[in-house]
């Protein structure tokens, strides 16, 4: 992999996303989901909520990087909590 400069954080990020997709696929095969309506203004499936949670987590990170000088661990913690909320009650 000399063609790309992998850093440990970027490798962990992609490994985590891959693991999430693997777990979600396995969970979908074992227990197929049903579309439901939570606090989000649309009816969503488990995969929809995962996508919305990951996308909004990216925006949380961009906001913190652009507007504050805080360490990256603060938006990371907020994003993990937000993703859990969206997946559970979204």
PDB file of N, CA and C in Angstrom:
ATOM      1  N   UNK A   1       0.813  -1.190   0.000  1.00  0.00           N
ATOM      2  CA  UNK A   1       0.000   0.000   0.000  1.00  0.00           C
ATOM      3  C   UNK A   1       0.857   1.254   0.000  1.00  0.00           C
ATOM      4  N   UNK A   2       1.912   1.250  -0.754  1.00  0.00           N
ATOM      5  CA  UNK A   2       2.798   2.411  -0.811  1.00  0.00           C
ATOM      6  C   UNK A   2       2.206   3.567  -1.610  1.00  0.00           C
ATOM      7  N   UNK A   3       1.153   3.311  -2.379  1.00  0.00           N
ATOM      8  CA  UNK A   3       0.578   4.351  -3.208  1.00  0.00           C
ATOM      9  C   UNK A   3      -0.259   5.334  -2.404  1.00  0.00           C
ATOM     10  N   UNK A   4      -0.577   4.982  -1.157  1.00  0.00           N
ATOM     11  CA  UNK A   4      -1.405   5.875  -0.344  1.00  0.00           C
ATOM     12  C   UNK A   4      -0.793   6.000   1.045  1.00  0.00           C
ATOM     13  N   UNK A   5      -0.762   7.189   1.553  1.00  0.00           N
ATOM     14  CA  UNK A   5      -0.185   7.417   2.878  1.00  0.00           C
ATOM     15  C   UNK A   5      -1.241   7.157   3.945  1.00  0.00           C
ATOM     16  N   UNK A   6      -1.304   5.938   4.428  1.00  0.00           N
ATOM     17  CA  UNK A   6      -2.265   5.574   5.464  1.00  0.00           C
ATOM     18  C   UNK A   6      -1.740   6.013   6.819  1.00  0.00           C
ATOM     19  N   UNK A   7      -2.575   6.694   7.547  1.00  0.00           N
ATOM     20  CA  UNK A   7      -2.248   7.009   8.926  1.00  0.00           C
ATOM     21  C   UNK A   7      -3.097   6.109   9.813  1.00  0.00           C
ATOM     22  N   UNK A   8      -2.717   5.982  11.050  1.00  0.00           N
ATOM     23  CA  UNK A   8      -3.480   5.117  11.947  1.00  0.00           C
ATOM     24  C   UNK A   8      -4.927   5.583  12.108  1.00  0.00           C
ATOM     25  N   UNK A   9      -5.205   6.889  12.295  1.00  0.00           N
ATOM     26  CA  UNK A   9      -6.601   7.310  12.410  1.00  0.00           C
ATOM     27  C   UNK A   9      -7.429   7.021  11.156  1.00  0.00           C
ATOM     28  N   UNK A  10      -6.856   7.240   9.972  1.00  0.00           N
ATOM     29  CA  UNK A  10      -7.641   6.973   8.758  1.00  0.00           C
ATOM     30  C   UNK A  10      -7.867   5.473   8.581  1.00  0.00           C
ATOM     31  N   UNK A  11      -6.881   4.659   8.906  1.00  0.00           N
ATOM     32  CA  UNK A  11      -7.062   3.204   8.820  1.00  0.00           C
ATOM     33  C   UNK A  11      -8.119   2.733   9.811  1.00  0.00           C
ATOM     34  N   UNK A  12      -8.103   3.269  11.032  1.00  0.00           N
ATOM     35  CA  UNK A  12      -9.116   2.899  12.023  1.00  0.00           C
ATOM     36  C   UNK A  12     -10.508   3.345  11.594  1.00  0.00           C
ATOM     37  N   UNK A  13     -10.588   4.514  10.965  1.00  0.00           N
ATOM     38  CA  UNK A  13     -11.879   5.006  10.479  1.00  0.00           C
ATOM     39  C   UNK A  13     -12.472   4.037   9.466  1.00  0.00           C
ATOM     40  N   UNK A  14     -11.694   3.671   8.448  1.00  0.00           N
ATOM     41  CA  UNK A  14     -12.212   2.782   7.408  1.00  0.00           C
ATOM     42  C   UNK A  14     -12.459   1.375   7.937  1.00  0.00           C
ATOM     43  N   UNK A  15     -11.646   0.925   8.858  1.00  0.00           N
ATOM     44  CA  UNK A  15     -11.874  -0.381   9.482  1.00  0.00           C
ATOM     45  C   UNK A  15     -13.173  -0.375  10.285  1.00  0.00           C
ATOM     46  N   UNK A  16     -13.424   0.714  11.001  1.00  0.00           N
ATOM     47  CA  UNK A  16     -14.653   0.832  11.776  1.00  0.00           C
ATOM     48  C   UNK A  16     -15.881   0.863  10.871  1.00  0.00           C
ATOM     49  N   UNK A  17     -15.827   1.628   9.791  1.00  0.00           N
ATOM     50  CA  UNK A  17     -16.959   1.675   8.857  1.00  0.00           C
ATOM     51  C   UNK A  17     -17.204   0.297   8.254  1.00  0.00           C
ATOM     52  N   UNK A  18     -16.138  -0.409   7.887  1.00  0.00           N
ATOM     53  CA  UNK A  18     -16.276  -1.766   7.355  1.00  0.00           C
ATOM     54  C   UNK A  18     -16.907  -2.711   8.364  1.00  0.00           C
ATOM     55  N   UNK A  19     -16.491  -2.618   9.618  1.00  0.00           N
ATOM     56  CA  UNK A  19     -17.069  -3.472  10.670  1.00  0.00           C
ATOM     57  C   UNK A  19     -18.544  -3.145  10.899  1.00  0.00           C
ATOM     58  N   UNK A  20     -18.886  -1.850  10.890  1.00  0.00           N
ATOM     59  CA  UNK A  20     -20.283  -1.451  11.052  1.00  0.00           C
ATOM     60  C   UNK A  20     -21.134  -2.040   9.928  1.00  0.00           C
ATOM     61  N   UNK A  21     -20.648  -1.954   8.692  1.00  0.00           N
ATOM     62  CA  UNK A  21     -21.399  -2.499   7.557  1.00  0.00           C
ATOM     63  C   UNK A  21     -21.540  -4.011   7.661  1.00  0.00           C
ATOM     64  N   UNK A  22     -20.501  -4.692   8.103  1.00  0.00           N
ATOM     65  CA  UNK A  22     -20.561  -6.143   8.279  1.00  0.00           C
ATOM     66  C   UNK A  22     -21.572  -6.529   9.356  1.00  0.00           C
ATOM     67  N   UNK A  23     -21.554  -5.823  10.482  1.00  0.00           N
ATOM     68  CA  UNK A  23     -22.505  -6.105  11.553  1.00  0.00           C
ATOM     69  C   UNK A  23     -23.934  -5.799  11.112  1.00  0.00           C
ATOM     70  N   UNK A  24     -24.128  -4.673  10.415  1.00  0.00           N
ATOM     71  CA  UNK A  24     -25.475  -4.322   9.956  1.00  0.00           C
ATOM     72  C   UNK A  24     -26.005  -5.332   8.935  1.00  0.00           C
ATOM     73  N   UNK A  25     -25.134  -5.821   8.053  1.00  0.00           N
ATOM     74  CA  UNK A  25     -25.550  -6.826   7.077  1.00  0.00           C
ATOM     75  C   UNK A  25     -25.931  -8.124   7.773  1.00  0.00           C
ATOM     76  N   UNK A  26     -25.118  -8.556   8.718  1.00  0.00           N
ATOM     77  CA  UNK A  26     -25.414  -9.778   9.462  1.00  0.00           C
ATOM     78  C   UNK A  26     -26.713  -9.628  10.242  1.00  0.00           C
ATOM     79  N   UNK A  27     -26.883  -8.494  10.898  1.00  0.00           N
ATOM     80  CA  UNK A  27     -28.092  -8.241  11.667  1.00  0.00           C
ATOM     81  C   UNK A  27     -29.324  -8.217  10.763  1.00  0.00           C
ATOM     82  N   UNK A  28     -29.176  -7.669   9.557  1.00  0.00           N
ATOM     83  CA  UNK A  28     -30.296  -7.616   8.602  1.00  0.00           C
ATOM     84  C   UNK A  28     -30.687  -9.014   8.136  1.00  0.00           C
ATOM     85  N   UNK A  29     -29.706  -9.893   7.939  1.00  0.00           N
ATOM     86  CA  UNK A  29     -29.995 -11.257   7.516  1.00  0.00           C
ATOM     87  C   UNK A  29     -30.687 -12.027   8.640  1.00  0.00           C
ATOM     88  N   UNK A  30     -30.214 -11.846   9.866  1.00  0.00           N
ATOM     89  CA  UNK A  30     -30.782 -12.571  10.996  1.00  0.00           C
ATOM     90  C   UNK A  30     -32.139 -12.020  11.428  1.00  0.00           C
ATOM     91  N   UNK A  31     -32.280 -10.710  11.435  1.00  0.00           N
ATOM     92  CA  UNK A  31     -33.527 -10.063  11.837  1.00  0.00           C
ATOM     93  C   UNK A  31     -33.870  -8.961  10.857  1.00  0.00           C
ATOM     94  N   UNK A  32     -34.600  -9.268   9.784  1.00  0.00           N
ATOM     95  CA  UNK A  32     -34.956  -8.227   8.807  1.00  0.00           C
ATOM     96  C   UNK A  32     -35.711  -7.079   9.488  1.00  0.00           C
ATOM     97  N   UNK A  33     -35.383  -5.871   9.081  1.00  0.00           N
ATOM     98  CA  UNK A  33     -35.993  -4.711   9.736  1.00  0.00           C
ATOM     99  C   UNK A  33     -37.299  -4.322   9.057  1.00  0.00           C
ATOM    100  N   UNK A  34     -38.057  -3.547   9.796  1.00  0.00           N
ATOM    101  CA  UNK A  34     -39.306  -2.993   9.294  1.00  0.00           C
ATOM    102  C   UNK A  34     -39.170  -1.480   9.328  1.00  0.00           C
ATOM    103  N   UNK A  35     -39.683  -0.823   8.319  1.00  0.00           N
ATOM    104  CA  UNK A  35     -39.632   0.645   8.306  1.00  0.00           C
ATOM    105  C   UNK A  35     -40.486   1.179   9.450  1.00  0.00           C
ATOM    106  N   UNK A  36     -39.973   2.200  10.133  1.00  0.00           N
ATOM    107  CA  UNK A  36     -40.713   2.796  11.248  1.00  0.00           C
ATOM    108  C   UNK A  36     -40.459   4.289  11.287  1.00  0.00           C
ATOM    109  N   UNK A  37     -41.300   4.976  12.049  1.00  0.00           N
ATOM    110  CA  UNK A  37     -41.169   6.424  12.177  1.00  0.00           C
ATOM    111  C   UNK A  37     -40.796   6.746  13.609  1.00  0.00           C
ATOM    112  N   UNK A  38     -39.656   7.398  13.763  1.00  0.00           N
ATOM    113  CA  UNK A  38     -39.202   7.855  15.073  1.00  0.00           C
ATOM    114  C   UNK A  38     -39.269   9.369  15.123  1.00  0.00           C
ATOM    115  N   UNK A  39     -38.249  10.003  15.711  1.00  0.00           N
ATOM    116  CA  UNK A  39     -38.264  11.470  15.784  1.00  0.00           C
ATOM    117  C   UNK A  39     -37.847  12.120  14.471  1.00  0.00           C
ATOM    118  N   UNK A  40     -37.265  11.347  13.544  1.00  0.00           N
ATOM    119  CA  UNK A  40     -36.948  11.897  12.231  1.00  0.00           C
ATOM    120  C   UNK A  40     -38.251  12.114  11.461  1.00  0.00           C
ATOM    121  N   UNK A  41     -38.310  13.110  10.595  1.00  0.00           N
ATOM    122  CA  UNK A  41     -39.573  13.424   9.924  1.00  0.00           C
ATOM    123  C   UNK A  41     -39.933  12.478   8.774  1.00  0.00           C
ATOM    124  N   UNK A  42     -39.220  11.366   8.628  1.00  0.00           N
ATOM    125  CA  UNK A  42     -39.499  10.408   7.565  1.00  0.00           C
ATOM    126  C   UNK A  42     -39.540   9.002   8.146  1.00  0.00           C
ATOM    127  N   UNK A  43     -40.165   8.102   7.432  1.00  0.00           N
ATOM    128  CA  UNK A  43     -40.146   6.694   7.804  1.00  0.00           C
ATOM    129  C   UNK A  43     -38.822   6.111   7.342  1.00  0.00           C
ATOM    130  N   UNK A  44     -38.114   5.431   8.246  1.00  0.00           N
ATOM    131  CA  UNK A  44     -36.770   4.957   7.931  1.00  0.00           C
ATOM    132  C   UNK A  44     -36.597   3.488   8.285  1.00  0.00           C
ATOM    133  N   UNK A  45     -35.646   2.866   7.611  1.00  0.00           N
ATOM    134  CA  UNK A  45     -35.212   1.521   7.963  1.00  0.00           C
ATOM    135  C   UNK A  45     -33.908   1.643   8.754  1.00  0.00           C
ATOM    136  N   UNK A  46     -33.402   0.517   9.210  1.00  0.00           N
ATOM    137  CA  UNK A  46     -32.156   0.514   9.976  1.00  0.00           C
ATOM    138  C   UNK A  46     -31.001   1.094   9.165  1.00  0.00           C
ATOM    139  N   UNK A  47     -30.904   0.733   7.901  1.00  0.00           N
ATOM    140  CA  UNK A  47     -29.847   1.242   7.032  1.00  0.00           C
ATOM    141  C   UNK A  47     -29.977   2.734   6.772  1.00  0.00           C
ATOM    142  N   UNK A  48     -31.208   3.212   6.631  1.00  0.00           N
ATOM    143  CA  UNK A  48     -31.432   4.657   6.451  1.00  0.00           C
ATOM    144  C   UNK A  48     -30.939   5.428   7.666  1.00  0.00           C
ATOM    145  N   UNK A  49     -31.265   4.929   8.845  1.00  0.00           N
ATOM    146  CA  UNK A  49     -30.834   5.610  10.070  1.00  0.00           C
ATOM    147  C   UNK A  49     -29.319   5.582  10.212  1.00  0.00           C
ATOM    148  N   UNK A  50     -28.673   4.486   9.812  1.00  0.00           N
ATOM    149  CA  UNK A  50     -27.213   4.418   9.843  1.00  0.00           C
ATOM    150  C   UNK A  50     -26.621   5.479   8.913  1.00  0.00           C
ATOM    151  N   UNK A  51     -27.141   5.569   7.698  1.00  0.00           N
ATOM    152  CA  UNK A  51     -26.644   6.547   6.735  1.00  0.00           C
ATOM    153  C   UNK A  51     -26.841   7.969   7.242  1.00  0.00           C
ATOM    154  N   UNK A  52     -28.021   8.275   7.758  1.00  0.00           N
ATOM    155  CA  UNK A  52     -28.303   9.617   8.276  1.00  0.00           C
ATOM    156  C   UNK A  52     -27.388   9.923   9.459  1.00  0.00           C
ATOM    157  N   UNK A  53     -27.177   8.945  10.327  1.00  0.00           N
ATOM    158  CA  UNK A  53     -26.299   9.150  11.476  1.00  0.00           C
ATOM    159  C   UNK A  53     -24.859   9.382  11.071  1.00  0.00           C
ATOM    160  N   UNK A  54     -24.351   8.614  10.107  1.00  0.00           N
ATOM    161  CA  UNK A  54     -22.973   8.800   9.647  1.00  0.00           C
ATOM    162  C   UNK A  54     -22.796  10.132   8.926  1.00  0.00           C
ATOM    163  N   UNK A  55     -23.769  10.498   8.106  1.00  0.00           N
ATOM    164  CA  UNK A  55     -23.693  11.764   7.387  1.00  0.00           C
ATOM    165  C   UNK A  55     -23.735  12.957   8.347  1.00  0.00           C
ATOM    166  N   UNK A  56     -24.638  12.900   9.315  1.00  0.00           N
ATOM    167  CA  UNK A  56     -24.703  14.007  10.271  1.00  0.00           C
ATOM    168  C   UNK A  56     -23.466  14.035  11.168  1.00  0.00           C
ATOM    169  N   UNK A  57     -22.857  12.889  11.442  1.00  0.00           N
ATOM    170  CA  UNK A  57     -21.608  12.863  12.205  1.00  0.00           C
ATOM    171  C   UNK A  57     -20.482  13.545  11.426  1.00  0.00           C
ATOM    172  N   UNK A  58     -20.468  13.379  10.124  1.00  0.00           N
ATOM    173  CA  UNK A  58     -19.469  14.076   9.304  1.00  0.00           C
ATOM    174  C   UNK A  58     -19.668  15.588   9.405  1.00  0.00           C
ATOM    175  N   UNK A  59     -20.917  16.044   9.407  1.00  0.00           N
ATOM    176  CA  UNK A  59     -21.182  17.471   9.547  1.00  0.00           C
ATOM    177  C   UNK A  59     -20.797  17.984  10.931  1.00  0.00           C
ATOM    178  N   UNK A  60     -20.993  17.172  11.956  1.00  0.00           N
ATOM    179  CA  UNK A  60     -20.565  17.559  13.307  1.00  0.00           C
ATOM    180  C   UNK A  60     -19.054  17.761  13.320  1.00  0.00           C
ATOM    181  N   UNK A  61     -18.313  16.833  12.711  1.00  0.00           N
ATOM    182  CA  UNK A  61     -16.855  16.962  12.650  1.00  0.00           C
ATOM    183  C   UNK A  61     -16.435  18.201  11.862  1.00  0.00           C
ATOM    184  N   UNK A  62     -17.070  18.433  10.724  1.00  0.00           N
ATOM    185  CA  UNK A  62     -16.723  19.610   9.922  1.00  0.00           C
ATOM    186  C   UNK A  62     -16.995  20.904  10.680  1.00  0.00           C
ATOM    187  N   UNK A  63     -18.100  20.946  11.413  1.00  0.00           N
ATOM    188  CA  UNK A  63     -18.416  22.130  12.206  1.00  0.00           C
ATOM    189  C   UNK A  63     -17.331  22.375  13.250  1.00  0.00           C
ATOM    190  N   UNK A  64     -16.959  21.335  13.985  1.00  0.00           N
ATOM    191  CA  UNK A  64     -15.953  21.506  15.030  1.00  0.00           C
ATOM    192  C   UNK A  64     -14.591  21.872  14.458  1.00  0.00           C
ATOM    193  N   UNK A  65     -14.217  21.271  13.344  1.00  0.00           N
ATOM    194  CA  UNK A  65     -12.927  21.589  12.728  1.00  0.00           C
ATOM    195  C   UNK A  65     -12.920  23.030  12.220  1.00  0.00           C
ATOM    196  N   UNK A  66     -14.036  23.467  11.650  1.00  0.00           N
ATOM    197  CA  UNK A  66     -14.098  24.815  11.089  1.00  0.00           C
ATOM    198  C   UNK A  66     -14.322  25.914  12.105  1.00  0.00           C
ATOM    199  N   UNK A  67     -15.004  25.631  13.204  1.00  0.00           N
ATOM    200  CA  UNK A  67     -15.414  26.687  14.119  1.00  0.00           C
ATOM    201  C   UNK A  67     -14.685  26.705  15.459  1.00  0.00           C
ATOM    202  N   UNK A  68     -13.985  25.639  15.809  1.00  0.00           N
ATOM    203  CA  UNK A  68     -13.327  25.605  17.117  1.00  0.00           C
ATOM    204  C   UNK A  68     -11.891  25.126  16.974  1.00  0.00           C
ATOM    205  N   UNK A  69     -11.158  25.247  18.048  1.00  0.00           N
ATOM    206  CA  UNK A  69      -9.796  24.727  18.105  1.00  0.00           C
ATOM    207  C   UNK A  69      -9.714  23.519  19.036  1.00  0.00           C
ATOM    208  N   UNK A  70     -10.844  22.912  19.328  1.00  0.00           N
ATOM    209  CA  UNK A  70     -10.864  21.767  20.239  1.00  0.00           C
ATOM    210  C   UNK A  70     -10.244  20.541  19.582  1.00  0.00           C
ATOM    211  N   UNK A  71      -9.823  19.608  20.413  1.00  0.00           N
ATOM    212  CA  UNK A  71      -9.265  18.351  19.907  1.00  0.00           C
ATOM    213  C   UNK A  71     -10.341  17.553  19.184  1.00  0.00           C
ATOM    214  N   UNK A  72      -9.926  16.693  18.296  1.00  0.00           N
ATOM    215  CA  UNK A  72     -10.853  15.915  17.468  1.00  0.00           C
ATOM    216  C   UNK A  72     -11.667  14.909  18.291  1.00  0.00           C
ATOM    217  N   UNK A  73     -11.243  14.651  19.517  1.00  0.00           N
ATOM    218  CA  UNK A  73     -11.957  13.669  20.345  1.00  0.00           C
ATOM    219  C   UNK A  73     -13.298  14.189  20.825  1.00  0.00           C
ATOM    220  N   UNK A  74     -13.463  15.502  20.936  1.00  0.00           N
ATOM    221  CA  UNK A  74     -14.753  16.057  21.352  1.00  0.00           C
ATOM    222  C   UNK A  74     -15.846  15.788  20.310  1.00  0.00           C
ATOM    223  N   UNK A  75     -15.646  16.148  19.053  1.00  0.00           N
ATOM    224  CA  UNK A  75     -16.699  15.825  18.074  1.00  0.00           C
ATOM    225  C   UNK A  75     -16.851  14.314  17.875  1.00  0.00           C
ATOM    226  N   UNK A  76     -15.781  13.564  18.076  1.00  0.00           N
ATOM    227  CA  UNK A  76     -15.878  12.108  17.968  1.00  0.00           C
ATOM    228  C   UNK A  76     -16.846  11.565  19.016  1.00  0.00           C
ATOM    229  N   UNK A  77     -16.709  12.013  20.256  1.00  0.00           N
ATOM    230  CA  UNK A  77     -17.614  11.573  21.323  1.00  0.00           C
ATOM    231  C   UNK A  77     -19.048  11.999  21.062  1.00  0.00           C
ATOM    232  N   UNK A  78     -19.218  13.241  20.633  1.00  0.00           N
ATOM    233  CA  UNK A  78     -20.560  13.738  20.318  1.00  0.00           C
ATOM    234  C   UNK A  78     -21.168  12.927  19.177  1.00  0.00           C
ATOM    235  N   UNK A  79     -20.357  12.598  18.170  1.00  0.00           N
ATOM    236  CA  UNK A  79     -20.850  11.837  17.020  1.00  0.00           C
ATOM    237  C   UNK A  79     -21.265  10.422  17.403  1.00  0.00           C
ATOM    238  N   UNK A  80     -20.506   9.789  18.284  1.00  0.00           N
ATOM    239  CA  UNK A  80     -20.863   8.438  18.737  1.00  0.00           C
ATOM    240  C   UNK A  80     -22.200   8.466  19.474  1.00  0.00           C
ATOM    241  N   UNK A  81     -22.372   9.445  20.352  1.00  0.00           N
ATOM    242  CA  UNK A  81     -23.641   9.573  21.080  1.00  0.00           C
ATOM    243  C   UNK A  81     -24.782   9.861  20.109  1.00  0.00           C
ATOM    244  N   UNK A  82     -24.557  10.779  19.164  1.00  0.00           N
ATOM    245  CA  UNK A  82     -25.593  11.124  18.183  1.00  0.00           C
ATOM    246  C   UNK A  82     -25.959   9.923  17.319  1.00  0.00           C
ATOM    247  N   UNK A  83     -24.960   9.164  16.885  1.00  0.00           N
ATOM    248  CA  UNK A  83     -25.233   7.979  16.069  1.00  0.00           C
ATOM    249  C   UNK A  83     -26.078   6.975  16.846  1.00  0.00           C
ATOM    250  N   UNK A  84     -25.763   6.788  18.129  1.00  0.00           N
ATOM    251  CA  UNK A  84     -26.569   5.889  18.961  1.00  0.00           C
ATOM    252  C   UNK A  84     -28.009   6.349  19.096  1.00  0.00           C
ATOM    253  N   UNK A  85     -28.202   7.659  19.273  1.00  0.00           N
ATOM    254  CA  UNK A  85     -29.554   8.218  19.383  1.00  0.00           C
ATOM    255  C   UNK A  85     -30.334   8.016  18.097  1.00  0.00           C
ATOM    256  N   UNK A  86     -29.708   8.319  16.968  1.00  0.00           N
ATOM    257  CA  UNK A  86     -30.393   8.179  15.671  1.00  0.00           C
ATOM    258  C   UNK A  86     -30.726   6.717  15.398  1.00  0.00           C
ATOM    259  N   UNK A  87     -29.802   5.813  15.677  1.00  0.00           N
ATOM    260  CA  UNK A  87     -30.066   4.399  15.415  1.00  0.00           C
ATOM    261  C   UNK A  87     -31.163   3.850  16.336  1.00  0.00           C
ATOM    262  N   UNK A  88     -31.209   4.319  17.557  1.00  0.00           N
ATOM    263  CA  UNK A  88     -32.188   3.795  18.515  1.00  0.00           C
ATOM    264  C   UNK A  88     -33.566   4.422  18.370  1.00  0.00           C
ATOM    265  N   UNK A  89     -33.612   5.754  18.331  1.00  0.00           N
ATOM    266  CA  UNK A  89     -34.904   6.440  18.362  1.00  0.00           C
ATOM    267  C   UNK A  89     -35.248   7.205  17.096  1.00  0.00           C
ATOM    268  N   UNK A  90     -34.367   7.201  16.115  1.00  0.00           N
ATOM    269  CA  UNK A  90     -34.599   7.953  14.888  1.00  0.00           C
ATOM    270  C   UNK A  90     -35.631   7.311  14.052  1.00  0.00           C
TER     271      UNK A  90
END
